[in-house]
């Protein structure tokens, strides 16, 4: 009996045909690293905020982990966070505002929080952090792609691309409820920045 060898895991540039995989990965990791599908009426709001605009605005800063059949993880980024969020409001929000209306009243549950961010994406920009680390990123891996070094390789690939763009530093924000992500960023050597605001977001950064 012939036993087939597993297909190699590779890191490669994003291609337009990866868009559905990006959406799927974003949703299946969208609740503090867990599958968000059961918790959202329309989970497509997650990639509309955290994945798709990066692929639309600057696909050269999007990379995927490929298992030989499809993307099972990705990293997306921008070299200039202030410019990204300005473009988000001007060019991206109008495409989705009607499908994902802004919540009225107090935010209840994760879906309303993400819908609010769609309409106020600039709230994710901390000017003081972005002044020192102007680039930012989001990274997600399906469970099958975790603990194999793919996250570290995705970050290294993006960091190289950001250096080529002249970005002096990169940051990210994450929920303090996502212990797995926090441990990952600590393990790969990113610096946890001092707590800011109400502590609802943890910032990590890396000089380039």
C-alpha atoms as a PDB file:
ATOM      1  CA  UNK A   1       0.000   0.000   0.000  1.00  0.00           C
ATOM      2  CA  UNK A   2       1.310   3.418  -0.955  1.00  0.00           C
ATOM      3  CA  UNK A   3       1.074   6.053   1.722  1.00  0.00           C
ATOM      4  CA  UNK A   4       0.861   9.551   0.335  1.00  0.00           C
ATOM      5  CA  UNK A   5       3.100  12.192   1.861  1.00  0.00           C
ATOM      6  CA  UNK A   6       1.443  15.255   3.350  1.00  0.00           C
ATOM      7  CA  UNK A   7       1.455  18.280   1.097  1.00  0.00           C
ATOM      8  CA  UNK A   8       4.029  20.926   2.020  1.00  0.00           C
ATOM      9  CA  UNK A   9       2.917  23.944   4.030  1.00  0.00           C
ATOM     10  CA  UNK A  10       3.999  27.091   2.242  1.00  0.00           C
ATOM     11  CA  UNK A  11       3.824  30.848   2.765  1.00  0.00           C
ATOM     12  CA  UNK A  12       2.992  32.709  -0.420  1.00  0.00           C
ATOM     13  CA  UNK A  13       1.589  36.037  -1.615  1.00  0.00           C
ATOM     14  CA  UNK A  14      -2.168  36.495  -1.628  1.00  0.00           C
ATOM     15  CA  UNK A  15      -4.027  35.838  -4.866  1.00  0.00           C
ATOM     16  CA  UNK A  16      -7.568  37.016  -5.729  1.00  0.00           C
ATOM     17  CA  UNK A  17      -8.767  33.408  -5.627  1.00  0.00           C
ATOM     18  CA  UNK A  18      -7.907  33.308  -1.910  1.00  0.00           C
ATOM     19  CA  UNK A  19     -10.612  35.809  -0.948  1.00  0.00           C
ATOM     20  CA  UNK A  20     -13.227  33.228   0.056  1.00  0.00           C
ATOM     21  CA  UNK A  21     -10.623  31.417   2.166  1.00  0.00           C
ATOM     22  CA  UNK A  22      -9.700  34.690   3.883  1.00  0.00           C
ATOM     23  CA  UNK A  23     -13.346  35.262   4.724  1.00  0.00           C
ATOM     24  CA  UNK A  24     -13.752  31.720   6.034  1.00  0.00           C
ATOM     25  CA  UNK A  25     -10.597  31.852   8.173  1.00  0.00           C
ATOM     26  CA  UNK A  26     -11.577  35.216   9.627  1.00  0.00           C
ATOM     27  CA  UNK A  27     -15.000  33.939  10.691  1.00  0.00           C
ATOM     28  CA  UNK A  28     -13.754  30.580  12.002  1.00  0.00           C
ATOM     29  CA  UNK A  29     -11.217  32.338  14.245  1.00  0.00           C
ATOM     30  CA  UNK A  30     -13.255  35.476  14.892  1.00  0.00           C
ATOM     31  CA  UNK A  31     -14.405  34.951  18.480  1.00  0.00           C
ATOM     32  CA  UNK A  32     -11.225  35.230  20.552  1.00  0.00           C
ATOM     33  CA  UNK A  33      -9.603  32.639  18.306  1.00  0.00           C
ATOM     34  CA  UNK A  34     -12.678  30.385  18.142  1.00  0.00           C
ATOM     35  CA  UNK A  35     -15.372  29.934  15.501  1.00  0.00           C
ATOM     36  CA  UNK A  36     -17.661  32.963  15.536  1.00  0.00           C
ATOM     37  CA  UNK A  37     -20.327  31.478  13.271  1.00  0.00           C
ATOM     38  CA  UNK A  38     -22.838  30.452  15.988  1.00  0.00           C
ATOM     39  CA  UNK A  39     -22.628  33.859  17.650  1.00  0.00           C
ATOM     40  CA  UNK A  40     -23.382  36.109  14.655  1.00  0.00           C
ATOM     41  CA  UNK A  41     -26.532  36.587  12.611  1.00  0.00           C
ATOM     42  CA  UNK A  42     -24.319  37.597   9.687  1.00  0.00           C
ATOM     43  CA  UNK A  43     -20.692  36.702  10.435  1.00  0.00           C
ATOM     44  CA  UNK A  44     -19.561  38.246   7.144  1.00  0.00           C
ATOM     45  CA  UNK A  45     -19.164  41.513   9.040  1.00  0.00           C
ATOM     46  CA  UNK A  46     -15.938  40.126  10.538  1.00  0.00           C
ATOM     47  CA  UNK A  47     -13.945  39.830   7.294  1.00  0.00           C
ATOM     48  CA  UNK A  48     -15.557  43.054   6.074  1.00  0.00           C
ATOM     49  CA  UNK A  49     -13.704  44.811   8.902  1.00  0.00           C
ATOM     50  CA  UNK A  50     -10.609  42.732   9.608  1.00  0.00           C
ATOM     51  CA  UNK A  51      -9.560  41.053   6.348  1.00  0.00           C
ATOM     52  CA  UNK A  52     -11.170  42.136   3.074  1.00  0.00           C
ATOM     53  CA  UNK A  53     -10.208  45.828   3.047  1.00  0.00           C
ATOM     54  CA  UNK A  54      -6.531  44.940   3.366  1.00  0.00           C
ATOM     55  CA  UNK A  55      -6.727  42.645   0.357  1.00  0.00           C
ATOM     56  CA  UNK A  56      -8.605  45.337  -1.550  1.00  0.00           C
ATOM     57  CA  UNK A  57      -6.364  48.280  -0.650  1.00  0.00           C
ATOM     58  CA  UNK A  58      -2.910  46.682  -0.695  1.00  0.00           C
ATOM     59  CA  UNK A  59      -2.787  42.987  -1.661  1.00  0.00           C
ATOM     60  CA  UNK A  60       1.020  43.207  -1.685  1.00  0.00           C
ATOM     61  CA  UNK A  61       0.888  43.209   2.111  1.00  0.00           C
ATOM     62  CA  UNK A  62      -1.291  40.108   2.362  1.00  0.00           C
ATOM     63  CA  UNK A  63       0.253  36.641   2.657  1.00  0.00           C
ATOM     64  CA  UNK A  64      -1.315  33.236   3.155  1.00  0.00           C
ATOM     65  CA  UNK A  65      -0.303  29.888   4.622  1.00  0.00           C
ATOM     66  CA  UNK A  66      -1.202  27.245   2.041  1.00  0.00           C
ATOM     67  CA  UNK A  67      -1.571  23.528   2.781  1.00  0.00           C
ATOM     68  CA  UNK A  68      -1.300  22.581  -0.884  1.00  0.00           C
ATOM     69  CA  UNK A  69      -5.039  22.765  -1.423  1.00  0.00           C
ATOM     70  CA  UNK A  70      -6.155  26.087   0.035  1.00  0.00           C
ATOM     71  CA  UNK A  71      -5.187  28.880   2.391  1.00  0.00           C
ATOM     72  CA  UNK A  72      -5.481  27.869   6.051  1.00  0.00           C
ATOM     73  CA  UNK A  73      -4.103  31.091   7.514  1.00  0.00           C
ATOM     74  CA  UNK A  74      -3.191  34.635   6.598  1.00  0.00           C
ATOM     75  CA  UNK A  75      -1.581  37.850   7.681  1.00  0.00           C
ATOM     76  CA  UNK A  76      -2.878  41.186   6.403  1.00  0.00           C
ATOM     77  CA  UNK A  77      -1.363  44.585   6.976  1.00  0.00           C
ATOM     78  CA  UNK A  78      -0.881  48.184   6.032  1.00  0.00           C
ATOM     79  CA  UNK A  79       2.251  50.317   6.149  1.00  0.00           C
ATOM     80  CA  UNK A  80       0.359  53.480   7.107  1.00  0.00           C
ATOM     81  CA  UNK A  81      -2.457  53.012   9.620  1.00  0.00           C
ATOM     82  CA  UNK A  82      -3.704  56.610   9.495  1.00  0.00           C
ATOM     83  CA  UNK A  83      -4.034  56.515   5.701  1.00  0.00           C
ATOM     84  CA  UNK A  84      -5.683  53.085   5.871  1.00  0.00           C
ATOM     85  CA  UNK A  85      -8.438  54.184   8.236  1.00  0.00           C
ATOM     86  CA  UNK A  86      -9.069  57.346   6.214  1.00  0.00           C
ATOM     87  CA  UNK A  87      -9.507  55.203   3.090  1.00  0.00           C
ATOM     88  CA  UNK A  88     -11.680  52.782   5.066  1.00  0.00           C
ATOM     89  CA  UNK A  89     -14.151  55.539   5.903  1.00  0.00           C
ATOM     90  CA  UNK A  90     -14.141  57.134   2.459  1.00  0.00           C
ATOM     91  CA  UNK A  91     -14.008  54.104   0.167  1.00  0.00           C
ATOM     92  CA  UNK A  92     -14.846  50.992   2.152  1.00  0.00           C
ATOM     93  CA  UNK A  93     -17.639  51.850   4.597  1.00  0.00           C
ATOM     94  CA  UNK A  94     -20.092  52.963   1.857  1.00  0.00           C
ATOM     95  CA  UNK A  95     -19.951  49.453   0.364  1.00  0.00           C
ATOM     96  CA  UNK A  96     -21.155  47.784   3.571  1.00  0.00           C
ATOM     97  CA  UNK A  97     -23.017  50.387   5.621  1.00  0.00           C
ATOM     98  CA  UNK A  98     -26.448  49.297   4.432  1.00  0.00           C
ATOM     99  CA  UNK A  99     -25.844  45.567   4.862  1.00  0.00           C
ATOM    100  CA  UNK A 100     -24.382  46.052   8.350  1.00  0.00           C
ATOM    101  CA  UNK A 101     -26.170  49.067   9.864  1.00  0.00           C
ATOM    102  CA  UNK A 102     -24.660  50.801  12.853  1.00  0.00           C
ATOM    103  CA  UNK A 103     -26.196  49.626  16.140  1.00  0.00           C
ATOM    104  CA  UNK A 104     -28.301  52.074  18.095  1.00  0.00           C
ATOM    105  CA  UNK A 105     -28.009  52.234  21.849  1.00  0.00           C
ATOM    106  CA  UNK A 106     -25.624  50.233  24.031  1.00  0.00           C
ATOM    107  CA  UNK A 107     -23.600  47.572  22.216  1.00  0.00           C
ATOM    108  CA  UNK A 108     -24.853  44.075  23.010  1.00  0.00           C
ATOM    109  CA  UNK A 109     -22.689  41.121  22.061  1.00  0.00           C
ATOM    110  CA  UNK A 110     -19.716  40.722  19.724  1.00  0.00           C
ATOM    111  CA  UNK A 111     -21.630  41.259  16.481  1.00  0.00           C
ATOM    112  CA  UNK A 112     -22.849  44.706  17.503  1.00  0.00           C
ATOM    113  CA  UNK A 113     -19.337  45.603  18.608  1.00  0.00           C
ATOM    114  CA  UNK A 114     -17.911  44.680  15.204  1.00  0.00           C
ATOM    115  CA  UNK A 115     -20.733  46.496  13.401  1.00  0.00           C
ATOM    116  CA  UNK A 116     -19.878  49.577  15.428  1.00  0.00           C
ATOM    117  CA  UNK A 117     -16.223  49.255  14.403  1.00  0.00           C
ATOM    118  CA  UNK A 118     -17.244  49.048  10.763  1.00  0.00           C
ATOM    119  CA  UNK A 119     -18.822  52.474  11.098  1.00  0.00           C
ATOM    120  CA  UNK A 120     -16.088  53.863  13.359  1.00  0.00           C
ATOM    121  CA  UNK A 121     -12.990  51.986  12.227  1.00  0.00           C
ATOM    122  CA  UNK A 122     -10.835  54.985  13.116  1.00  0.00           C
ATOM    123  CA  UNK A 123     -11.529  54.141  16.768  1.00  0.00           C
ATOM    124  CA  UNK A 124      -9.038  51.309  16.294  1.00  0.00           C
ATOM    125  CA  UNK A 125      -6.304  53.869  15.570  1.00  0.00           C
ATOM    126  CA  UNK A 126      -4.302  54.966  18.598  1.00  0.00           C
ATOM    127  CA  UNK A 127      -2.401  58.010  17.286  1.00  0.00           C
ATOM    128  CA  UNK A 128       0.386  57.734  19.858  1.00  0.00           C
ATOM    129  CA  UNK A 129       1.035  54.078  19.053  1.00  0.00           C
ATOM    130  CA  UNK A 130       0.793  54.694  15.301  1.00  0.00           C
ATOM    131  CA  UNK A 131       3.247  57.587  15.517  1.00  0.00           C
ATOM    132  CA  UNK A 132       5.984  55.175  16.610  1.00  0.00           C
ATOM    133  CA  UNK A 133       4.693  52.033  14.890  1.00  0.00           C
ATOM    134  CA  UNK A 134       2.748  53.292  11.845  1.00  0.00           C
ATOM    135  CA  UNK A 135       2.068  49.883  10.294  1.00  0.00           C
ATOM    136  CA  UNK A 136      -0.455  47.437  11.725  1.00  0.00           C
ATOM    137  CA  UNK A 137      -1.542  43.867  11.061  1.00  0.00           C
ATOM    138  CA  UNK A 138      -4.068  41.094  11.674  1.00  0.00           C
ATOM    139  CA  UNK A 139      -3.094  37.422  11.610  1.00  0.00           C
ATOM    140  CA  UNK A 140      -5.301  34.324  11.814  1.00  0.00           C
ATOM    141  CA  UNK A 141      -4.665  30.595  11.459  1.00  0.00           C
ATOM    142  CA  UNK A 142      -7.175  27.766  11.457  1.00  0.00           C
ATOM    143  CA  UNK A 143      -6.549  25.143  14.173  1.00  0.00           C
ATOM    144  CA  UNK A 144      -5.046  22.750  11.600  1.00  0.00           C
ATOM    145  CA  UNK A 145      -2.351  25.312  10.835  1.00  0.00           C
ATOM    146  CA  UNK A 146      -1.397  26.187  14.391  1.00  0.00           C
ATOM    147  CA  UNK A 147       1.706  25.051  16.319  1.00  0.00           C
ATOM    148  CA  UNK A 148       3.631  24.376  13.110  1.00  0.00           C
ATOM    149  CA  UNK A 149       5.595  27.594  12.864  1.00  0.00           C
ATOM    150  CA  UNK A 150       3.289  29.089  10.246  1.00  0.00           C
ATOM    151  CA  UNK A 151       2.350  32.111  12.347  1.00  0.00           C
ATOM    152  CA  UNK A 152       5.988  33.009  12.891  1.00  0.00           C
ATOM    153  CA  UNK A 153       6.695  32.576   9.170  1.00  0.00           C
ATOM    154  CA  UNK A 154       3.710  34.717   8.191  1.00  0.00           C
ATOM    155  CA  UNK A 155       4.873  37.518  10.487  1.00  0.00           C
ATOM    156  CA  UNK A 156       8.452  37.335   9.212  1.00  0.00           C
ATOM    157  CA  UNK A 157       7.218  37.554   5.615  1.00  0.00           C
ATOM    158  CA  UNK A 158       5.047  40.579   6.349  1.00  0.00           C
ATOM    159  CA  UNK A 159       7.806  42.278   8.355  1.00  0.00           C
ATOM    160  CA  UNK A 160      10.178  41.933   5.386  1.00  0.00           C
ATOM    161  CA  UNK A 161       7.575  43.473   3.084  1.00  0.00           C
ATOM    162  CA  UNK A 162       6.958  46.344   5.504  1.00  0.00           C
ATOM    163  CA  UNK A 163      10.697  47.038   5.757  1.00  0.00           C
ATOM    164  CA  UNK A 164      10.794  47.318   1.967  1.00  0.00           C
ATOM    165  CA  UNK A 165       8.044  49.963   2.254  1.00  0.00           C
ATOM    166  CA  UNK A 166      10.161  51.876   4.791  1.00  0.00           C
ATOM    167  CA  UNK A 167       7.864  51.322   7.790  1.00  0.00           C
ATOM    168  CA  UNK A 168       9.859  51.777  11.025  1.00  0.00           C
ATOM    169  CA  UNK A 169       7.521  49.696  13.164  1.00  0.00           C
ATOM    170  CA  UNK A 170       4.303  47.668  13.239  1.00  0.00           C
ATOM    171  CA  UNK A 171       1.657  47.186  15.908  1.00  0.00           C
ATOM    172  CA  UNK A 172      -1.523  45.258  16.513  1.00  0.00           C
ATOM    173  CA  UNK A 173      -4.425  45.388  18.945  1.00  0.00           C
ATOM    174  CA  UNK A 174      -6.082  42.353  20.456  1.00  0.00           C
ATOM    175  CA  UNK A 175      -8.715  41.436  23.002  1.00  0.00           C
ATOM    176  CA  UNK A 176      -7.403  40.512  26.458  1.00  0.00           C
ATOM    177  CA  UNK A 177      -9.831  37.566  26.294  1.00  0.00           C
ATOM    178  CA  UNK A 178      -7.755  35.897  23.552  1.00  0.00           C
ATOM    179  CA  UNK A 179      -5.136  34.130  25.668  1.00  0.00           C
ATOM    180  CA  UNK A 180      -3.843  32.045  22.779  1.00  0.00           C
ATOM    181  CA  UNK A 181      -3.042  35.119  20.685  1.00  0.00           C
ATOM    182  CA  UNK A 182      -1.395  36.894  23.611  1.00  0.00           C
ATOM    183  CA  UNK A 183       0.881  33.913  24.280  1.00  0.00           C
ATOM    184  CA  UNK A 184       1.742  33.680  20.587  1.00  0.00           C
ATOM    185  CA  UNK A 185       2.802  37.332  20.327  1.00  0.00           C
ATOM    186  CA  UNK A 186       4.880  36.996  23.473  1.00  0.00           C
ATOM    187  CA  UNK A 187       6.493  33.812  22.145  1.00  0.00           C
ATOM    188  CA  UNK A 188       7.518  35.385  18.830  1.00  0.00           C
ATOM    189  CA  UNK A 189       9.160  38.278  20.665  1.00  0.00           C
ATOM    190  CA  UNK A 190       6.777  41.156  20.062  1.00  0.00           C
ATOM    191  CA  UNK A 191       6.717  43.830  22.752  1.00  0.00           C
ATOM    192  CA  UNK A 192       3.604  44.324  24.830  1.00  0.00           C
ATOM    193  CA  UNK A 193       2.998  48.051  25.169  1.00  0.00           C
ATOM    194  CA  UNK A 194       1.874  49.679  28.446  1.00  0.00           C
ATOM    195  CA  UNK A 195      -1.861  49.466  29.075  1.00  0.00           C
ATOM    196  CA  UNK A 196      -3.833  52.241  27.444  1.00  0.00           C
ATOM    197  CA  UNK A 197      -7.361  53.486  28.066  1.00  0.00           C
ATOM    198  CA  UNK A 198      -9.730  51.084  29.779  1.00  0.00           C
ATOM    199  CA  UNK A 199      -7.643  48.001  29.029  1.00  0.00           C
ATOM    200  CA  UNK A 200     -10.172  46.576  26.547  1.00  0.00           C
ATOM    201  CA  UNK A 201      -7.396  46.327  23.936  1.00  0.00           C
ATOM    202  CA  UNK A 202      -3.875  44.973  24.386  1.00  0.00           C
ATOM    203  CA  UNK A 203      -1.273  46.427  22.024  1.00  0.00           C
ATOM    204  CA  UNK A 204       1.826  44.590  20.821  1.00  0.00           C
ATOM    205  CA  UNK A 205       4.505  46.164  18.661  1.00  0.00           C
ATOM    206  CA  UNK A 206       7.655  45.334  16.739  1.00  0.00           C
ATOM    207  CA  UNK A 207      10.385  47.661  15.500  1.00  0.00           C
ATOM    208  CA  UNK A 208      11.393  46.958  11.920  1.00  0.00           C
END
